[in-house]
Amino acid sequence: MAERIKLNKISLRSEKQKLALYQRFLPALEARKQQLMMQLAAVRAQIAEQKARLQEILDEIRVWGALYGVMGPLLKYFIEIREIRSSVVNVAGLKVPKFHGITFSDPSYSYFATPPSFEQVLRRSREAIECREAIRMLGEGEKVLFEGFRKTSQRINLYEQRLIPECREAIRKIVVYLQDQQAAGVGVAKVAKRLAEAAMLEEAGA
């Protein structure tokens, strides 16, 4: 239930201050929404790019199915993740994760004891894992950005559709009331003046 407005000059000043505050915040919120929208579009484009790259690598890996059967026991030691390198960047006040790459375990091996294609299979396998982790982290960033975009949009709607119209309506009501009171006061003063003048005339005639 909306708070009842006090129809006086103090309330009028308070409502005008609130309206000015909302109108000052609104452009900043709209700029933040625009920034988040652009970042969301960029992140979604990166996700699509990484997914296409991953699919390309997986298609290539499938051709080497037989090689994986031979290399599998050795390959697993070289695709073990030692560290996922990442940082957190500030986007419109939000903490968004940024993927930098993966450090894999890198044990030594004999070039003569492995198939000729081992290095190529290893490289593409690592690229596939990096793509997978990049997609995962970009997805986390997308969630953060979308939530920030959603909340900012809600706040803009709150200002535009409720708070600012309510303030304007309150100001209108208070102004109309004060004008009516002023007009009534002037009317009373005129009547009082006429009565006083009539009384003076009666006294003069007596």
N, C-alpha and C. Protein backbone atom coordinates (compact mmCIF):
# COMPACT_ATOMS: atom_id res chain seq x y z
N MET A 1 0.85 -1.20 0.00
CA MET A 1 0.00 0.00 0.00
C MET A 1 0.88 1.25 0.00
N ALA A 2 0.61 2.18 -0.93
CA ALA A 2 1.44 3.37 -1.07
C ALA A 2 1.29 4.26 0.16
N GLU A 3 2.38 4.94 0.53
CA GLU A 3 2.38 5.83 1.69
C GLU A 3 1.55 7.07 1.36
N ARG A 4 0.72 7.47 2.32
CA ARG A 4 -0.13 8.65 2.09
C ARG A 4 0.72 9.92 2.05
N ILE A 5 0.44 10.76 1.05
CA ILE A 5 1.23 11.98 0.86
C ILE A 5 0.71 13.08 1.78
N LYS A 6 1.64 13.78 2.42
CA LYS A 6 1.27 14.94 3.23
C LYS A 6 1.21 16.15 2.29
N LEU A 7 0.10 16.83 2.29
CA LEU A 7 -0.12 17.95 1.36
C LEU A 7 0.38 19.25 1.97
N ASN A 8 1.71 19.39 2.00
CA ASN A 8 2.30 20.62 2.52
C ASN A 8 3.61 20.93 1.77
N LYS A 9 4.18 22.08 2.06
CA LYS A 9 5.38 22.52 1.34
C LYS A 9 6.60 21.64 1.63
N ILE A 10 6.68 21.13 2.85
CA ILE A 10 7.81 20.24 3.21
C ILE A 10 7.76 18.97 2.37
N SER A 11 6.56 18.40 2.25
CA SER A 11 6.37 17.20 1.44
C SER A 11 6.66 17.49 -0.03
N LEU A 12 6.27 18.67 -0.50
CA LEU A 12 6.52 19.06 -1.89
C LEU A 12 8.02 19.12 -2.16
N ARG A 13 8.76 19.72 -1.24
CA ARG A 13 10.21 19.81 -1.40
C ARG A 13 10.84 18.42 -1.40
N SER A 14 10.37 17.55 -0.51
CA SER A 14 10.88 16.17 -0.43
C SER A 14 10.63 15.40 -1.72
N GLU A 15 9.44 15.53 -2.28
CA GLU A 15 9.10 14.82 -3.53
C GLU A 15 9.92 15.34 -4.69
N LYS A 16 10.14 16.65 -4.73
CA LYS A 16 10.96 17.23 -5.80
C LYS A 16 12.40 16.74 -5.71
N GLN A 17 12.92 16.61 -4.48
CA GLN A 17 14.28 16.10 -4.29
C GLN A 17 14.40 14.64 -4.75
N LYS A 18 13.38 13.84 -4.40
CA LYS A 18 13.38 12.44 -4.82
C LYS A 18 13.32 12.33 -6.35
N LEU A 19 12.48 13.14 -6.96
CA LEU A 19 12.36 13.11 -8.42
C LEU A 19 13.69 13.47 -9.08
N ALA A 20 14.35 14.50 -8.57
CA ALA A 20 15.64 14.92 -9.12
C ALA A 20 16.67 13.80 -8.98
N LEU A 21 16.63 13.09 -7.84
CA LEU A 21 17.56 11.99 -7.58
C LEU A 21 17.33 10.84 -8.57
N TYR A 22 16.07 10.46 -8.76
CA TYR A 22 15.74 9.37 -9.69
C TYR A 22 16.16 9.74 -11.11
N GLN A 23 15.90 10.98 -11.50
CA GLN A 23 16.23 11.42 -12.85
C GLN A 23 17.75 11.51 -13.06
N ARG A 24 18.49 11.72 -11.98
CA ARG A 24 19.96 11.75 -12.09
C ARG A 24 20.53 10.33 -12.19
N PHE A 25 19.91 9.37 -11.47
CA PHE A 25 20.37 7.99 -11.51
C PHE A 25 20.05 7.29 -12.82
N LEU A 26 18.92 7.65 -13.42
CA LEU A 26 18.41 6.93 -14.59
C LEU A 26 19.41 6.88 -15.76
N PRO A 27 20.03 7.99 -16.18
CA PRO A 27 20.99 7.91 -17.29
C PRO A 27 22.17 6.98 -17.00
N ALA A 28 22.64 6.97 -15.74
CA ALA A 28 23.75 6.08 -15.37
C ALA A 28 23.33 4.62 -15.48
N LEU A 29 22.11 4.33 -15.06
CA LEU A 29 21.60 2.97 -15.16
C LEU A 29 21.43 2.55 -16.61
N GLU A 30 20.95 3.46 -17.44
CA GLU A 30 20.77 3.15 -18.86
C GLU A 30 22.11 2.92 -19.54
N ALA A 31 23.13 3.69 -19.15
CA ALA A 31 24.48 3.50 -19.71
C ALA A 31 25.04 2.14 -19.27
N ARG A 32 24.79 1.77 -18.01
CA ARG A 32 25.25 0.47 -17.50
C ARG A 32 24.56 -0.67 -18.25
N LYS A 33 23.26 -0.51 -18.47
CA LYS A 33 22.50 -1.54 -19.21
C LYS A 33 23.06 -1.71 -20.62
N GLN A 34 23.39 -0.60 -21.27
CA GLN A 34 23.94 -0.65 -22.62
C GLN A 34 25.29 -1.34 -22.63
N GLN A 35 26.12 -1.03 -21.64
CA GLN A 35 27.44 -1.64 -21.53
C GLN A 35 27.32 -3.15 -21.32
N LEU A 36 26.42 -3.56 -20.43
CA LEU A 36 26.22 -4.98 -20.16
C LEU A 36 25.67 -5.71 -21.39
N MET A 37 24.79 -5.04 -22.12
CA MET A 37 24.23 -5.63 -23.33
C MET A 37 25.34 -5.90 -24.36
N MET A 38 26.25 -4.93 -24.51
CA MET A 38 27.35 -5.08 -25.46
C MET A 38 28.30 -6.20 -25.02
N GLN A 39 28.59 -6.26 -23.72
CA GLN A 39 29.48 -7.31 -23.19
C GLN A 39 28.84 -8.68 -23.35
N LEU A 40 27.53 -8.76 -23.10
CA LEU A 40 26.82 -10.03 -23.28
C LEU A 40 26.91 -10.51 -24.72
N ALA A 41 26.71 -9.59 -25.65
CA ALA A 41 26.78 -9.95 -27.07
C ALA A 41 28.19 -10.44 -27.43
N ALA A 42 29.20 -9.77 -26.88
CA ALA A 42 30.59 -10.16 -27.16
C ALA A 42 30.89 -11.54 -26.60
N VAL A 43 30.46 -11.80 -25.35
CA VAL A 43 30.71 -13.09 -24.72
C VAL A 43 29.98 -14.21 -25.47
N ARG A 44 28.76 -13.95 -25.88
CA ARG A 44 27.99 -14.97 -26.61
C ARG A 44 28.63 -15.27 -27.96
N ALA A 45 29.21 -14.26 -28.58
CA ALA A 45 29.92 -14.47 -29.85
C ALA A 45 31.16 -15.32 -29.62
N GLN A 46 31.86 -15.06 -28.51
CA GLN A 46 33.05 -15.86 -28.18
C GLN A 46 32.68 -17.31 -27.89
N ILE A 47 31.56 -17.52 -27.19
CA ILE A 47 31.10 -18.88 -26.90
C ILE A 47 30.80 -19.62 -28.21
N ALA A 48 30.10 -18.95 -29.13
CA ALA A 48 29.78 -19.57 -30.42
C ALA A 48 31.05 -19.91 -31.19
N GLU A 49 32.03 -19.00 -31.13
CA GLU A 49 33.31 -19.22 -31.83
C GLU A 49 34.05 -20.41 -31.24
N GLN A 50 34.10 -20.48 -29.91
CA GLN A 50 34.80 -21.59 -29.25
C GLN A 50 34.09 -22.92 -29.49
N LYS A 51 32.77 -22.91 -29.51
CA LYS A 51 32.02 -24.15 -29.76
C LYS A 51 32.27 -24.65 -31.18
N ALA A 52 32.34 -23.72 -32.14
CA ALA A 52 32.61 -24.11 -33.53
C ALA A 52 34.02 -24.68 -33.64
N ARG A 53 34.97 -24.05 -32.95
CA ARG A 53 36.35 -24.54 -32.96
C ARG A 53 36.45 -25.92 -32.32
N LEU A 54 35.75 -26.10 -31.19
CA LEU A 54 35.77 -27.40 -30.51
C LEU A 54 35.18 -28.49 -31.40
N GLN A 55 34.08 -28.17 -32.08
CA GLN A 55 33.46 -29.16 -32.96
C GLN A 55 34.40 -29.56 -34.09
N GLU A 56 35.13 -28.58 -34.61
CA GLU A 56 36.10 -28.85 -35.68
C GLU A 56 37.19 -29.80 -35.18
N ILE A 57 37.69 -29.54 -33.96
CA ILE A 57 38.74 -30.39 -33.39
C ILE A 57 38.22 -31.80 -33.13
N LEU A 58 37.00 -31.89 -32.58
CA LEU A 58 36.42 -33.20 -32.27
C LEU A 58 36.19 -34.02 -33.54
N ASP A 59 35.77 -33.33 -34.60
CA ASP A 59 35.59 -34.02 -35.89
C ASP A 59 36.91 -34.59 -36.38
N GLU A 60 37.98 -33.82 -36.18
CA GLU A 60 39.31 -34.28 -36.59
C GLU A 60 39.77 -35.44 -35.71
N ILE A 61 39.49 -35.35 -34.41
CA ILE A 61 39.91 -36.39 -33.47
C ILE A 61 39.19 -37.72 -33.77
N ARG A 62 37.93 -37.62 -34.18
CA ARG A 62 37.18 -38.85 -34.48
C ARG A 62 37.84 -39.66 -35.59
N VAL A 63 38.48 -38.96 -36.50
CA VAL A 63 39.18 -39.65 -37.60
C VAL A 63 40.35 -40.47 -37.05
N TRP A 64 40.87 -40.02 -35.91
CA TRP A 64 42.01 -40.73 -35.31
C TRP A 64 41.57 -41.75 -34.27
N GLY A 65 40.36 -42.20 -34.34
CA GLY A 65 39.83 -43.12 -33.33
C GLY A 65 40.75 -44.29 -33.02
N ALA A 66 41.29 -44.90 -34.07
CA ALA A 66 42.17 -46.07 -33.89
C ALA A 66 43.46 -45.67 -33.17
N LEU A 67 43.97 -44.48 -33.51
CA LEU A 67 45.20 -44.01 -32.87
C LEU A 67 45.00 -43.79 -31.38
N TYR A 68 43.82 -43.31 -31.00
CA TYR A 68 43.55 -43.09 -29.58
C TYR A 68 43.59 -44.41 -28.81
N GLY A 69 43.16 -45.46 -29.48
CA GLY A 69 43.21 -46.77 -28.82
C GLY A 69 44.64 -47.17 -28.50
N VAL A 70 45.55 -46.80 -29.38
CA VAL A 70 46.98 -47.14 -29.20
C VAL A 70 47.63 -46.18 -28.22
N MET A 71 47.33 -44.90 -28.35
CA MET A 71 48.03 -43.87 -27.56
C MET A 71 47.39 -43.60 -26.21
N GLY A 72 46.16 -44.06 -26.02
CA GLY A 72 45.41 -43.74 -24.81
C GLY A 72 46.17 -43.88 -23.51
N PRO A 73 46.80 -45.03 -23.25
CA PRO A 73 47.51 -45.23 -21.98
C PRO A 73 48.60 -44.20 -21.72
N LEU A 74 49.27 -43.75 -22.80
CA LEU A 74 50.33 -42.74 -22.64
C LEU A 74 49.76 -41.33 -22.65
N LEU A 75 48.78 -41.12 -23.51
CA LEU A 75 48.22 -39.78 -23.72
C LEU A 75 47.62 -39.19 -22.44
N LYS A 76 47.02 -40.03 -21.62
CA LYS A 76 46.32 -39.53 -20.43
C LYS A 76 47.24 -38.75 -19.50
N TYR A 77 48.55 -39.08 -19.50
CA TYR A 77 49.50 -38.36 -18.62
C TYR A 77 49.80 -36.96 -19.15
N PHE A 78 49.58 -36.76 -20.46
CA PHE A 78 49.92 -35.49 -21.09
C PHE A 78 48.74 -34.53 -21.18
N ILE A 79 47.54 -35.04 -20.93
CA ILE A 79 46.36 -34.15 -20.97
C ILE A 79 45.81 -33.91 -19.56
N GLU A 80 46.62 -34.29 -18.57
CA GLU A 80 46.23 -34.03 -17.18
C GLU A 80 46.41 -32.54 -16.89
N ILE A 81 45.36 -31.89 -16.40
CA ILE A 81 45.41 -30.44 -16.14
C ILE A 81 46.15 -30.16 -14.84
N ARG A 82 47.17 -29.33 -14.95
CA ARG A 82 47.93 -28.93 -13.76
C ARG A 82 47.40 -27.60 -13.20
N GLU A 83 47.02 -26.71 -14.12
CA GLU A 83 46.52 -25.39 -13.67
C GLU A 83 45.64 -24.78 -14.75
N ILE A 84 44.52 -24.20 -14.31
CA ILE A 84 43.68 -23.41 -15.21
C ILE A 84 43.96 -21.95 -14.90
N ARG A 85 44.52 -21.23 -15.86
CA ARG A 85 44.90 -19.84 -15.64
C ARG A 85 43.72 -18.92 -15.96
N SER A 86 43.37 -18.10 -15.01
CA SER A 86 42.23 -17.19 -15.19
C SER A 86 42.41 -15.95 -14.32
N SER A 87 41.57 -14.97 -14.55
CA SER A 87 41.57 -13.75 -13.73
C SER A 87 40.12 -13.28 -13.63
N VAL A 88 39.93 -12.24 -12.86
CA VAL A 88 38.60 -11.65 -12.72
C VAL A 88 38.67 -10.21 -13.21
N VAL A 89 37.80 -9.86 -14.14
CA VAL A 89 37.78 -8.49 -14.66
C VAL A 89 36.51 -7.79 -14.21
N ASN A 90 36.63 -6.48 -14.05
CA ASN A 90 35.48 -5.67 -13.61
C ASN A 90 34.74 -5.15 -14.83
N VAL A 91 33.49 -5.55 -14.96
CA VAL A 91 32.65 -5.06 -16.06
C VAL A 91 31.41 -4.41 -15.45
N ALA A 92 31.36 -3.09 -15.50
CA ALA A 92 30.22 -2.33 -14.96
C ALA A 92 29.94 -2.72 -13.51
N GLY A 93 31.01 -2.90 -12.74
CA GLY A 93 30.86 -3.23 -11.32
C GLY A 93 30.66 -4.71 -11.03
N LEU A 94 30.68 -5.55 -12.06
CA LEU A 94 30.50 -7.00 -11.88
C LEU A 94 31.84 -7.72 -12.02
N LYS A 95 32.02 -8.76 -11.24
CA LYS A 95 33.24 -9.56 -11.31
C LYS A 95 33.03 -10.71 -12.31
N VAL A 96 33.68 -10.58 -13.46
CA VAL A 96 33.49 -11.55 -14.55
C VAL A 96 34.78 -12.35 -14.74
N PRO A 97 34.70 -13.69 -14.72
CA PRO A 97 35.90 -14.50 -14.91
C PRO A 97 36.41 -14.42 -16.34
N LYS A 98 37.73 -14.42 -16.49
CA LYS A 98 38.36 -14.38 -17.82
C LYS A 98 39.35 -15.54 -17.94
N PHE A 99 39.20 -16.32 -18.98
CA PHE A 99 40.04 -17.50 -19.20
C PHE A 99 41.33 -17.09 -19.92
N HIS A 100 42.48 -17.61 -19.42
CA HIS A 100 43.77 -17.30 -20.03
C HIS A 100 44.47 -18.52 -20.62
N GLY A 101 44.07 -19.70 -20.20
CA GLY A 101 44.71 -20.89 -20.75
C GLY A 101 44.87 -21.98 -19.70
N ILE A 102 45.50 -23.08 -20.12
CA ILE A 102 45.69 -24.24 -19.25
C ILE A 102 47.15 -24.65 -19.26
N THR A 103 47.65 -25.01 -18.11
CA THR A 103 48.97 -25.61 -18.02
C THR A 103 48.76 -27.11 -17.81
N PHE A 104 49.31 -27.90 -18.74
CA PHE A 104 49.17 -29.35 -18.66
C PHE A 104 50.42 -29.98 -18.06
N SER A 105 50.23 -31.16 -17.50
CA SER A 105 51.39 -31.95 -17.08
C SER A 105 52.21 -32.26 -18.34
N ASP A 106 53.52 -32.25 -18.19
CA ASP A 106 54.37 -32.42 -19.38
C ASP A 106 55.54 -33.37 -19.09
N PRO A 107 55.22 -34.64 -18.86
CA PRO A 107 56.31 -35.60 -18.59
C PRO A 107 57.14 -35.85 -19.85
N SER A 108 58.35 -36.27 -19.65
CA SER A 108 59.22 -36.55 -20.80
C SER A 108 58.81 -37.87 -21.46
N TYR A 109 59.10 -37.99 -22.74
CA TYR A 109 58.80 -39.23 -23.45
C TYR A 109 59.80 -39.39 -24.60
N SER A 110 59.89 -40.62 -25.10
CA SER A 110 60.82 -40.92 -26.18
C SER A 110 60.12 -40.75 -27.52
N TYR A 111 60.73 -39.96 -28.38
CA TYR A 111 60.17 -39.77 -29.72
C TYR A 111 60.15 -41.07 -30.51
N PHE A 112 61.09 -41.94 -30.19
CA PHE A 112 61.19 -43.19 -30.94
C PHE A 112 60.21 -44.25 -30.44
N ALA A 113 59.74 -44.07 -29.18
CA ALA A 113 58.85 -45.07 -28.59
C ALA A 113 57.37 -44.71 -28.79
N THR A 114 57.10 -43.60 -29.50
CA THR A 114 55.71 -43.18 -29.72
C THR A 114 55.43 -43.11 -31.22
N PRO A 115 54.16 -43.26 -31.62
CA PRO A 115 53.81 -43.17 -33.04
C PRO A 115 54.15 -41.79 -33.60
N PRO A 116 54.42 -41.70 -34.90
CA PRO A 116 54.79 -40.41 -35.52
C PRO A 116 53.73 -39.31 -35.33
N SER A 117 52.48 -39.73 -35.23
CA SER A 117 51.40 -38.73 -35.11
C SER A 117 51.10 -38.35 -33.66
N PHE A 118 51.90 -38.84 -32.71
CA PHE A 118 51.61 -38.61 -31.30
C PHE A 118 51.52 -37.11 -30.97
N GLU A 119 52.48 -36.34 -31.46
CA GLU A 119 52.52 -34.91 -31.13
C GLU A 119 51.28 -34.18 -31.68
N GLN A 120 50.86 -34.53 -32.88
CA GLN A 120 49.68 -33.89 -33.46
C GLN A 120 48.42 -34.25 -32.69
N VAL A 121 48.29 -35.53 -32.33
CA VAL A 121 47.13 -35.98 -31.55
C VAL A 121 47.13 -35.29 -30.19
N LEU A 122 48.30 -35.20 -29.58
CA LEU A 122 48.42 -34.55 -28.26
C LEU A 122 48.04 -33.08 -28.35
N ARG A 123 48.56 -32.40 -29.38
CA ARG A 123 48.28 -30.97 -29.53
C ARG A 123 46.79 -30.71 -29.71
N ARG A 124 46.14 -31.48 -30.56
CA ARG A 124 44.71 -31.29 -30.81
C ARG A 124 43.87 -31.68 -29.59
N SER A 125 44.33 -32.68 -28.86
CA SER A 125 43.60 -33.08 -27.64
C SER A 125 43.65 -31.96 -26.61
N ARG A 126 44.82 -31.36 -26.47
CA ARG A 126 44.96 -30.25 -25.52
C ARG A 126 44.13 -29.04 -25.97
N GLU A 127 44.10 -28.80 -27.26
CA GLU A 127 43.30 -27.69 -27.78
C GLU A 127 41.81 -27.91 -27.48
N ALA A 128 41.37 -29.18 -27.62
CA ALA A 128 39.96 -29.50 -27.34
C ALA A 128 39.64 -29.24 -25.87
N ILE A 129 40.56 -29.61 -24.98
CA ILE A 129 40.35 -29.40 -23.55
C ILE A 129 40.34 -27.90 -23.23
N GLU A 130 41.25 -27.15 -23.87
CA GLU A 130 41.28 -25.70 -23.65
C GLU A 130 39.97 -25.06 -24.13
N CYS A 131 39.46 -25.51 -25.28
CA CYS A 131 38.18 -24.99 -25.78
C CYS A 131 37.06 -25.27 -24.79
N ARG A 132 37.06 -26.49 -24.28
CA ARG A 132 36.01 -26.89 -23.32
C ARG A 132 36.04 -26.00 -22.09
N GLU A 133 37.25 -25.74 -21.55
CA GLU A 133 37.37 -24.91 -20.36
C GLU A 133 37.04 -23.45 -20.66
N ALA A 134 37.43 -22.99 -21.86
CA ALA A 134 37.10 -21.61 -22.25
C ALA A 134 35.59 -21.43 -22.34
N ILE A 135 34.91 -22.42 -22.92
CA ILE A 135 33.45 -22.36 -23.03
C ILE A 135 32.80 -22.35 -21.65
N ARG A 136 33.34 -23.18 -20.76
CA ARG A 136 32.79 -23.25 -19.40
C ARG A 136 32.93 -21.91 -18.69
N MET A 137 34.12 -21.30 -18.79
CA MET A 137 34.34 -20.03 -18.09
C MET A 137 33.58 -18.88 -18.74
N LEU A 138 33.49 -18.90 -20.06
CA LEU A 138 32.69 -17.89 -20.76
C LEU A 138 31.22 -18.02 -20.36
N GLY A 139 30.77 -19.26 -20.18
CA GLY A 139 29.39 -19.49 -19.73
C GLY A 139 29.14 -18.92 -18.35
N GLU A 140 30.15 -19.05 -17.46
CA GLU A 140 30.02 -18.46 -16.11
C GLU A 140 29.94 -16.94 -16.21
N GLY A 141 30.78 -16.37 -17.08
CA GLY A 141 30.76 -14.93 -17.28
C GLY A 141 29.44 -14.45 -17.85
N GLU A 142 28.90 -15.24 -18.77
CA GLU A 142 27.60 -14.89 -19.38
C GLU A 142 26.51 -14.84 -18.31
N LYS A 143 26.54 -15.80 -17.38
CA LYS A 143 25.53 -15.82 -16.31
C LYS A 143 25.64 -14.57 -15.43
N VAL A 144 26.87 -14.20 -15.09
CA VAL A 144 27.08 -13.01 -14.26
C VAL A 144 26.59 -11.76 -14.98
N LEU A 145 26.96 -11.64 -16.25
CA LEU A 145 26.56 -10.46 -17.03
C LEU A 145 25.05 -10.41 -17.23
N PHE A 146 24.44 -11.56 -17.51
CA PHE A 146 22.99 -11.57 -17.74
C PHE A 146 22.23 -11.20 -16.46
N GLU A 147 22.72 -11.70 -15.32
CA GLU A 147 22.07 -11.37 -14.05
C GLU A 147 22.18 -9.88 -13.76
N GLY A 148 23.36 -9.31 -14.04
CA GLY A 148 23.55 -7.86 -13.87
C GLY A 148 22.66 -7.08 -14.82
N PHE A 149 22.55 -7.55 -16.06
CA PHE A 149 21.68 -6.90 -17.05
C PHE A 149 20.22 -6.97 -16.61
N ARG A 150 19.81 -8.13 -16.10
CA ARG A 150 18.42 -8.32 -15.65
C ARG A 150 18.08 -7.38 -14.49
N LYS A 151 18.96 -7.32 -13.51
CA LYS A 151 18.71 -6.47 -12.34
C LYS A 151 18.71 -4.98 -12.72
N THR A 152 19.62 -4.61 -13.61
CA THR A 152 19.68 -3.21 -14.05
C THR A 152 18.41 -2.84 -14.81
N SER A 153 17.94 -3.74 -15.67
CA SER A 153 16.70 -3.51 -16.42
C SER A 153 15.51 -3.37 -15.47
N GLN A 154 15.48 -4.22 -14.44
CA GLN A 154 14.40 -4.14 -13.45
C GLN A 154 14.41 -2.80 -12.72
N ARG A 155 15.61 -2.33 -12.38
CA ARG A 155 15.71 -1.05 -11.67
C ARG A 155 15.28 0.11 -12.56
N ILE A 156 15.67 0.06 -13.83
CA ILE A 156 15.24 1.10 -14.78
C ILE A 156 13.72 1.11 -14.89
N ASN A 157 13.14 -0.08 -15.01
CA ASN A 157 11.68 -0.19 -15.10
C ASN A 157 11.01 0.35 -13.84
N LEU A 158 11.63 0.06 -12.69
CA LEU A 158 11.09 0.55 -11.41
C LEU A 158 11.07 2.08 -11.40
N TYR A 159 12.16 2.70 -11.85
CA TYR A 159 12.24 4.16 -11.88
C TYR A 159 11.25 4.74 -12.89
N GLU A 160 11.26 4.17 -14.11
CA GLU A 160 10.47 4.74 -15.20
C GLU A 160 8.97 4.50 -15.04
N GLN A 161 8.62 3.32 -14.53
CA GLN A 161 7.20 2.94 -14.51
C GLN A 161 6.51 3.18 -13.17
N ARG A 162 7.32 3.32 -12.08
CA ARG A 162 6.66 3.48 -10.78
C ARG A 162 7.16 4.70 -10.01
N LEU A 163 8.45 4.74 -9.69
CA LEU A 163 8.94 5.78 -8.79
C LEU A 163 8.81 7.19 -9.37
N ILE A 164 9.26 7.38 -10.61
CA ILE A 164 9.19 8.72 -11.22
C ILE A 164 7.74 9.15 -11.45
N PRO A 165 6.87 8.29 -12.03
CA PRO A 165 5.45 8.69 -12.16
C PRO A 165 4.79 8.98 -10.82
N GLU A 166 5.10 8.19 -9.77
CA GLU A 166 4.51 8.43 -8.45
C GLU A 166 4.95 9.78 -7.90
N CYS A 167 6.23 10.11 -8.08
CA CYS A 167 6.73 11.41 -7.61
C CYS A 167 6.04 12.56 -8.34
N ARG A 168 5.92 12.42 -9.66
CA ARG A 168 5.27 13.48 -10.44
C ARG A 168 3.82 13.66 -10.04
N GLU A 169 3.13 12.55 -9.81
CA GLU A 169 1.73 12.61 -9.40
C GLU A 169 1.60 13.24 -8.02
N ALA A 170 2.52 12.88 -7.11
CA ALA A 170 2.50 13.46 -5.76
C ALA A 170 2.73 14.96 -5.82
N ILE A 171 3.71 15.37 -6.64
CA ILE A 171 4.00 16.80 -6.79
C ILE A 171 2.77 17.53 -7.34
N ARG A 172 2.12 16.93 -8.36
CA ARG A 172 0.93 17.54 -8.95
C ARG A 172 -0.18 17.73 -7.89
N LYS A 173 -0.41 16.69 -7.10
CA LYS A 173 -1.47 16.75 -6.07
C LYS A 173 -1.17 17.81 -5.02
N ILE A 174 0.09 17.84 -4.59
CA ILE A 174 0.46 18.82 -3.56
C ILE A 174 0.34 20.25 -4.10
N VAL A 175 0.81 20.47 -5.33
CA VAL A 175 0.74 21.80 -5.95
C VAL A 175 -0.71 22.24 -6.10
N VAL A 176 -1.58 21.34 -6.59
CA VAL A 176 -3.00 21.66 -6.75
C VAL A 176 -3.63 22.01 -5.40
N TYR A 177 -3.29 21.22 -4.38
CA TYR A 177 -3.85 21.46 -3.04
C TYR A 177 -3.39 22.81 -2.50
N LEU A 178 -2.09 23.10 -2.63
CA LEU A 178 -1.56 24.35 -2.11
C LEU A 178 -2.15 25.55 -2.86
N GLN A 179 -2.33 25.38 -4.19
CA GLN A 179 -2.95 26.46 -4.97
C GLN A 179 -4.40 26.69 -4.53
N ASP A 180 -5.11 25.58 -4.29
CA ASP A 180 -6.49 25.69 -3.82
C ASP A 180 -6.55 26.38 -2.45
N GLN A 181 -5.60 26.01 -1.59
CA GLN A 181 -5.55 26.63 -0.26
C GLN A 181 -5.25 28.12 -0.34
N GLN A 182 -4.33 28.43 -1.28
CA GLN A 182 -3.98 29.84 -1.46
C GLN A 182 -5.17 30.62 -2.00
N ALA A 183 -5.85 30.01 -3.00
CA ALA A 183 -7.04 30.67 -3.57
C ALA A 183 -8.12 30.85 -2.52
N ALA A 184 -8.30 29.81 -1.70
CA ALA A 184 -9.32 29.89 -0.63
C ALA A 184 -8.93 30.96 0.36
N GLY A 185 -7.66 31.06 0.66
CA GLY A 185 -7.18 32.09 1.60
C GLY A 185 -7.43 33.49 1.06
N VAL A 186 -7.16 33.65 -0.25
CA VAL A 186 -7.40 34.96 -0.88
C VAL A 186 -8.89 35.29 -0.85
N GLY A 187 -9.75 34.27 -1.13
CA GLY A 187 -11.20 34.46 -1.10
C GLY A 187 -11.67 34.87 0.28
N VAL A 188 -11.18 34.20 1.30
CA VAL A 188 -11.55 34.53 2.69
C VAL A 188 -11.12 35.96 3.02
N ALA A 189 -9.92 36.31 2.56
CA ALA A 189 -9.40 37.65 2.85
C ALA A 189 -10.28 38.72 2.20
N LYS A 190 -10.72 38.42 0.96
CA LYS A 190 -11.57 39.40 0.26
C LYS A 190 -12.92 39.55 0.97
N VAL A 191 -13.48 38.43 1.37
CA VAL A 191 -14.77 38.48 2.10
C VAL A 191 -14.61 39.26 3.40
N ALA A 192 -13.53 38.98 4.11
CA ALA A 192 -13.27 39.67 5.37
C ALA A 192 -13.12 41.18 5.14
N LYS A 193 -12.44 41.51 4.02
CA LYS A 193 -12.23 42.92 3.71
C LYS A 193 -13.57 43.62 3.43
N ARG A 194 -14.40 42.89 2.62
CA ARG A 194 -15.72 43.47 2.30
C ARG A 194 -16.57 43.66 3.57
N LEU A 195 -16.52 42.65 4.45
CA LEU A 195 -17.28 42.75 5.70
C LEU A 195 -16.78 43.91 6.55
N ALA A 196 -15.46 44.05 6.57
CA ALA A 196 -14.89 45.15 7.38
C ALA A 196 -15.30 46.50 6.80
N GLU A 197 -15.25 46.58 5.43
CA GLU A 197 -15.64 47.84 4.78
C GLU A 197 -17.12 48.14 5.03
N ALA A 198 -17.95 47.09 4.95
CA ALA A 198 -19.41 47.28 5.19
C ALA A 198 -19.65 47.73 6.62
N ALA A 199 -18.92 47.14 7.57
CA ALA A 199 -19.06 47.51 8.98
C ALA A 199 -18.65 48.97 9.20
N MET A 200 -17.57 49.38 8.51
CA MET A 200 -17.08 50.76 8.62
C MET A 200 -18.13 51.74 8.07
N LEU A 201 -18.76 51.37 6.95
CA LEU A 201 -19.77 52.22 6.34
C LEU A 201 -20.99 52.35 7.26
N GLU A 202 -21.34 51.26 7.89
CA GLU A 202 -22.49 51.29 8.82
C GLU A 202 -22.19 52.22 10.00
N GLU A 203 -20.98 52.10 10.48
CA GLU A 203 -20.58 52.95 11.62
C GLU A 203 -20.59 54.44 11.19
N ALA A 204 -20.10 54.66 9.96
CA ALA A 204 -20.04 56.04 9.48
C ALA A 204 -21.46 56.62 9.29
N GLY A 205 -22.38 55.73 8.86
CA GLY A 205 -23.76 56.20 8.61
C GLY A 205 -24.54 56.38 9.90
N ALA A 206 -24.05 55.69 10.95
CA ALA A 206 -24.80 55.79 12.21
C ALA A 206 -24.46 57.08 12.83
